[in-house]
């Protein structure tokens, strides 16, 4: 199934159950993630995708969007630094990547094509995760 066909739908629509309103004492992060689940997928920004991937929310829908951006610019600065979206995506569980083998292969090829100097400029743990992902 092509998950990019659902760009007009929200994560609450696609990944039941709906989360609803967070508790009154919820952290700002929890409030933001709850709010992002109500945004149509096509309107999610790179920073939103980074947050959702980092929190491992509905990865089967969010990863294809993030990888689509990373195939255009693997070192995209989503919010904090160049490569921060890649950093989040590389930490997605292997079980999720097993469901998305074509995406995994495409991202692996894009990372492998990067010059070594580009990876050297990333935080050490990102470079290590990249090596593990492509290895």
C-alpha atoms as a PDB file:
ATOM      1  CA  UNK A   1       0.000   0.000   0.000  1.00  0.00           C
ATOM      2  CA  UNK A   2       1.344   3.451  -0.907  1.00  0.00           C
ATOM      3  CA  UNK A   3       1.166   5.452   2.302  1.00  0.00           C
ATOM      4  CA  UNK A   4       1.716   8.711   0.392  1.00  0.00           C
ATOM      5  CA  UNK A   5      -1.806   8.384  -1.020  1.00  0.00           C
ATOM      6  CA  UNK A   6      -3.143   9.410   2.387  1.00  0.00           C
ATOM      7  CA  UNK A   7      -1.770  12.951   2.410  1.00  0.00           C
ATOM      8  CA  UNK A   8      -5.188  14.472   3.098  1.00  0.00           C
ATOM      9  CA  UNK A   9      -5.833  12.276   6.123  1.00  0.00           C
ATOM     10  CA  UNK A  10      -4.537  12.570   9.681  1.00  0.00           C
ATOM     11  CA  UNK A  11      -2.732  10.083  11.873  1.00  0.00           C
ATOM     12  CA  UNK A  12      -5.827   9.968  14.065  1.00  0.00           C
ATOM     13  CA  UNK A  13      -7.730   8.801  10.953  1.00  0.00           C
ATOM     14  CA  UNK A  14      -5.137   6.295   9.795  1.00  0.00           C
ATOM     15  CA  UNK A  15      -3.730   4.980  13.069  1.00  0.00           C
ATOM     16  CA  UNK A  16      -6.612   4.313  15.458  1.00  0.00           C
ATOM     17  CA  UNK A  17      -7.572   4.790  18.127  1.00  0.00           C
ATOM     18  CA  UNK A  18      -7.776   8.577  18.109  1.00  0.00           C
ATOM     19  CA  UNK A  19      -5.686  10.015  20.884  1.00  0.00           C
ATOM     20  CA  UNK A  20      -8.035  12.824  21.846  1.00  0.00           C
ATOM     21  CA  UNK A  21      -7.127  15.691  24.123  1.00  0.00           C
ATOM     22  CA  UNK A  22      -4.036  15.158  26.290  1.00  0.00           C
ATOM     23  CA  UNK A  23      -4.316  15.246  30.063  1.00  0.00           C
ATOM     24  CA  UNK A  24      -4.208  18.663  31.714  1.00  0.00           C
ATOM     25  CA  UNK A  25      -0.787  17.941  33.211  1.00  0.00           C
ATOM     26  CA  UNK A  26       0.733  16.691  29.932  1.00  0.00           C
ATOM     27  CA  UNK A  27       4.147  17.969  28.942  1.00  0.00           C
ATOM     28  CA  UNK A  28       4.539  20.359  25.996  1.00  0.00           C
ATOM     29  CA  UNK A  29       6.003  17.480  23.966  1.00  0.00           C
ATOM     30  CA  UNK A  30       2.956  15.298  24.585  1.00  0.00           C
ATOM     31  CA  UNK A  31       0.633  18.182  23.728  1.00  0.00           C
ATOM     32  CA  UNK A  32       2.516  18.817  20.477  1.00  0.00           C
ATOM     33  CA  UNK A  33       2.474  15.146  19.435  1.00  0.00           C
ATOM     34  CA  UNK A  34      -1.252  14.921  20.172  1.00  0.00           C
ATOM     35  CA  UNK A  35      -1.818  18.041  18.062  1.00  0.00           C
ATOM     36  CA  UNK A  36       0.298  16.695  15.195  1.00  0.00           C
ATOM     37  CA  UNK A  37      -1.890  13.593  14.999  1.00  0.00           C
ATOM     38  CA  UNK A  38      -4.750  15.867  13.887  1.00  0.00           C
ATOM     39  CA  UNK A  39      -2.815  17.547  11.045  1.00  0.00           C
ATOM     40  CA  UNK A  40      -3.260  16.150   7.516  1.00  0.00           C
ATOM     41  CA  UNK A  41      -0.117  14.233   6.548  1.00  0.00           C
ATOM     42  CA  UNK A  42       0.498  16.507   3.574  1.00  0.00           C
ATOM     43  CA  UNK A  43       0.745  19.513   5.894  1.00  0.00           C
ATOM     44  CA  UNK A  44       3.364  18.064   8.260  1.00  0.00           C
ATOM     45  CA  UNK A  45       6.616  20.033   8.138  1.00  0.00           C
ATOM     46  CA  UNK A  46      10.091  18.502   8.434  1.00  0.00           C
ATOM     47  CA  UNK A  47      10.271  19.483  12.119  1.00  0.00           C
ATOM     48  CA  UNK A  48       6.908  17.796  12.730  1.00  0.00           C
ATOM     49  CA  UNK A  49       8.115  14.623  11.031  1.00  0.00           C
ATOM     50  CA  UNK A  50      11.314  14.678  13.071  1.00  0.00           C
ATOM     51  CA  UNK A  51       9.294  14.896  16.259  1.00  0.00           C
ATOM     52  CA  UNK A  52       6.858  12.138  15.286  1.00  0.00           C
ATOM     53  CA  UNK A  53       9.639   9.812  14.146  1.00  0.00           C
ATOM     54  CA  UNK A  54      11.659  10.513  17.291  1.00  0.00           C
ATOM     55  CA  UNK A  55       8.628   9.649  19.408  1.00  0.00           C
ATOM     56  CA  UNK A  56       7.925   6.586  17.200  1.00  0.00           C
ATOM     57  CA  UNK A  57       4.374   7.666  16.438  1.00  0.00           C
ATOM     58  CA  UNK A  58       2.609   5.896  13.548  1.00  0.00           C
ATOM     59  CA  UNK A  59       5.911   5.152  11.849  1.00  0.00           C
ATOM     60  CA  UNK A  60       4.342   3.200   8.994  1.00  0.00           C
ATOM     61  CA  UNK A  61       2.783   6.488   7.842  1.00  0.00           C
ATOM     62  CA  UNK A  62       5.390   8.992   9.000  1.00  0.00           C
ATOM     63  CA  UNK A  63       8.563   7.269   7.775  1.00  0.00           C
ATOM     64  CA  UNK A  64       7.573   7.357   4.084  1.00  0.00           C
ATOM     65  CA  UNK A  65       7.111  11.123   4.344  1.00  0.00           C
ATOM     66  CA  UNK A  66      10.418  11.600   6.136  1.00  0.00           C
ATOM     67  CA  UNK A  67      12.301   9.364   3.711  1.00  0.00           C
ATOM     68  CA  UNK A  68      10.800  11.224   0.755  1.00  0.00           C
ATOM     69  CA  UNK A  69      12.391  14.421   2.121  1.00  0.00           C
ATOM     70  CA  UNK A  70      15.673  12.677   2.916  1.00  0.00           C
ATOM     71  CA  UNK A  71      15.981  11.281  -0.601  1.00  0.00           C
ATOM     72  CA  UNK A  72      15.974  14.888  -1.835  1.00  0.00           C
ATOM     73  CA  UNK A  73      18.275  16.167   0.915  1.00  0.00           C
ATOM     74  CA  UNK A  74      19.747  13.521   3.258  1.00  0.00           C
ATOM     75  CA  UNK A  75      21.242  16.186   5.516  1.00  0.00           C
ATOM     76  CA  UNK A  76      18.065  18.251   5.779  1.00  0.00           C
ATOM     77  CA  UNK A  77      17.941  20.563   8.783  1.00  0.00           C
ATOM     78  CA  UNK A  78      14.458  19.851  10.152  1.00  0.00           C
ATOM     79  CA  UNK A  79      14.828  21.950  13.291  1.00  0.00           C
ATOM     80  CA  UNK A  80      18.048  21.599  15.268  1.00  0.00           C
ATOM     81  CA  UNK A  81      20.926  20.926  12.841  1.00  0.00           C
ATOM     82  CA  UNK A  82      21.698  19.554   9.414  1.00  0.00           C
ATOM     83  CA  UNK A  83      20.957  15.841   9.509  1.00  0.00           C
ATOM     84  CA  UNK A  84      18.572  15.917  12.475  1.00  0.00           C
ATOM     85  CA  UNK A  85      15.750  14.286  10.520  1.00  0.00           C
ATOM     86  CA  UNK A  86      18.160  11.609   9.322  1.00  0.00           C
ATOM     87  CA  UNK A  87      19.268  11.113  12.919  1.00  0.00           C
ATOM     88  CA  UNK A  88      15.656  10.432  13.972  1.00  0.00           C
ATOM     89  CA  UNK A  89      14.888   8.175  11.008  1.00  0.00           C
ATOM     90  CA  UNK A  90      17.970   6.030  11.545  1.00  0.00           C
ATOM     91  CA  UNK A  91      16.676   5.166  15.004  1.00  0.00           C
ATOM     92  CA  UNK A  92      13.377   3.744  13.814  1.00  0.00           C
ATOM     93  CA  UNK A  93      13.051   0.145  14.981  1.00  0.00           C
ATOM     94  CA  UNK A  94      14.200  -2.631  12.653  1.00  0.00           C
ATOM     95  CA  UNK A  95      10.719  -4.133  12.901  1.00  0.00           C
ATOM     96  CA  UNK A  96       9.288  -1.046  11.210  1.00  0.00           C
ATOM     97  CA  UNK A  97      11.931  -1.068   8.476  1.00  0.00           C
ATOM     98  CA  UNK A  98      11.101  -4.727   7.849  1.00  0.00           C
ATOM     99  CA  UNK A  99       7.602  -3.568   6.852  1.00  0.00           C
ATOM    100  CA  UNK A 100       9.078  -0.967   4.484  1.00  0.00           C
ATOM    101  CA  UNK A 101      11.920  -2.743   2.656  1.00  0.00           C
ATOM    102  CA  UNK A 102      11.794  -0.552  -0.475  1.00  0.00           C
ATOM    103  CA  UNK A 103      12.025   2.590   1.619  1.00  0.00           C
ATOM    104  CA  UNK A 104      14.900   1.099   3.593  1.00  0.00           C
ATOM    105  CA  UNK A 105      16.780   0.264   0.391  1.00  0.00           C
ATOM    106  CA  UNK A 106      16.194   3.727  -1.095  1.00  0.00           C
ATOM    107  CA  UNK A 107      17.388   5.500   2.037  1.00  0.00           C
ATOM    108  CA  UNK A 108      20.378   3.197   2.333  1.00  0.00           C
ATOM    109  CA  UNK A 109      21.383   4.047  -1.250  1.00  0.00           C
ATOM    110  CA  UNK A 110      21.025   7.780  -0.571  1.00  0.00           C
ATOM    111  CA  UNK A 111      23.165   7.565   2.554  1.00  0.00           C
ATOM    112  CA  UNK A 112      25.780   5.424   0.817  1.00  0.00           C
ATOM    113  CA  UNK A 113      26.030   8.038  -1.963  1.00  0.00           C
ATOM    114  CA  UNK A 114      26.911  10.794   0.505  1.00  0.00           C
ATOM    115  CA  UNK A 115      30.559  11.832   0.586  1.00  0.00           C
ATOM    116  CA  UNK A 116      32.418  10.655   3.688  1.00  0.00           C
ATOM    117  CA  UNK A 117      33.055  14.282   4.627  1.00  0.00           C
ATOM    118  CA  UNK A 118      29.295  14.908   4.918  1.00  0.00           C
ATOM    119  CA  UNK A 119      28.901  12.073   7.395  1.00  0.00           C
ATOM    120  CA  UNK A 120      31.975  13.204   9.289  1.00  0.00           C
ATOM    121  CA  UNK A 121      30.264  16.524  10.046  1.00  0.00           C
ATOM    122  CA  UNK A 122      27.297  14.796  11.703  1.00  0.00           C
ATOM    123  CA  UNK A 123      27.183  14.080  15.429  1.00  0.00           C
ATOM    124  CA  UNK A 124      29.139  10.922  16.200  1.00  0.00           C
ATOM    125  CA  UNK A 125      26.110   8.837  17.125  1.00  0.00           C
ATOM    126  CA  UNK A 126      24.394   9.796  13.857  1.00  0.00           C
ATOM    127  CA  UNK A 127      27.434   8.728  11.832  1.00  0.00           C
ATOM    128  CA  UNK A 128      27.542   5.433  13.768  1.00  0.00           C
ATOM    129  CA  UNK A 129      23.813   4.839  13.241  1.00  0.00           C
ATOM    130  CA  UNK A 130      24.283   5.600   9.556  1.00  0.00           C
ATOM    131  CA  UNK A 131      27.061   3.026   9.285  1.00  0.00           C
ATOM    132  CA  UNK A 132      24.897   0.434  11.030  1.00  0.00           C
ATOM    133  CA  UNK A 133      21.902   1.262   8.817  1.00  0.00           C
ATOM    134  CA  UNK A 134      23.892   0.933   5.589  1.00  0.00           C
ATOM    135  CA  UNK A 135      26.038  -1.980   6.727  1.00  0.00           C
END
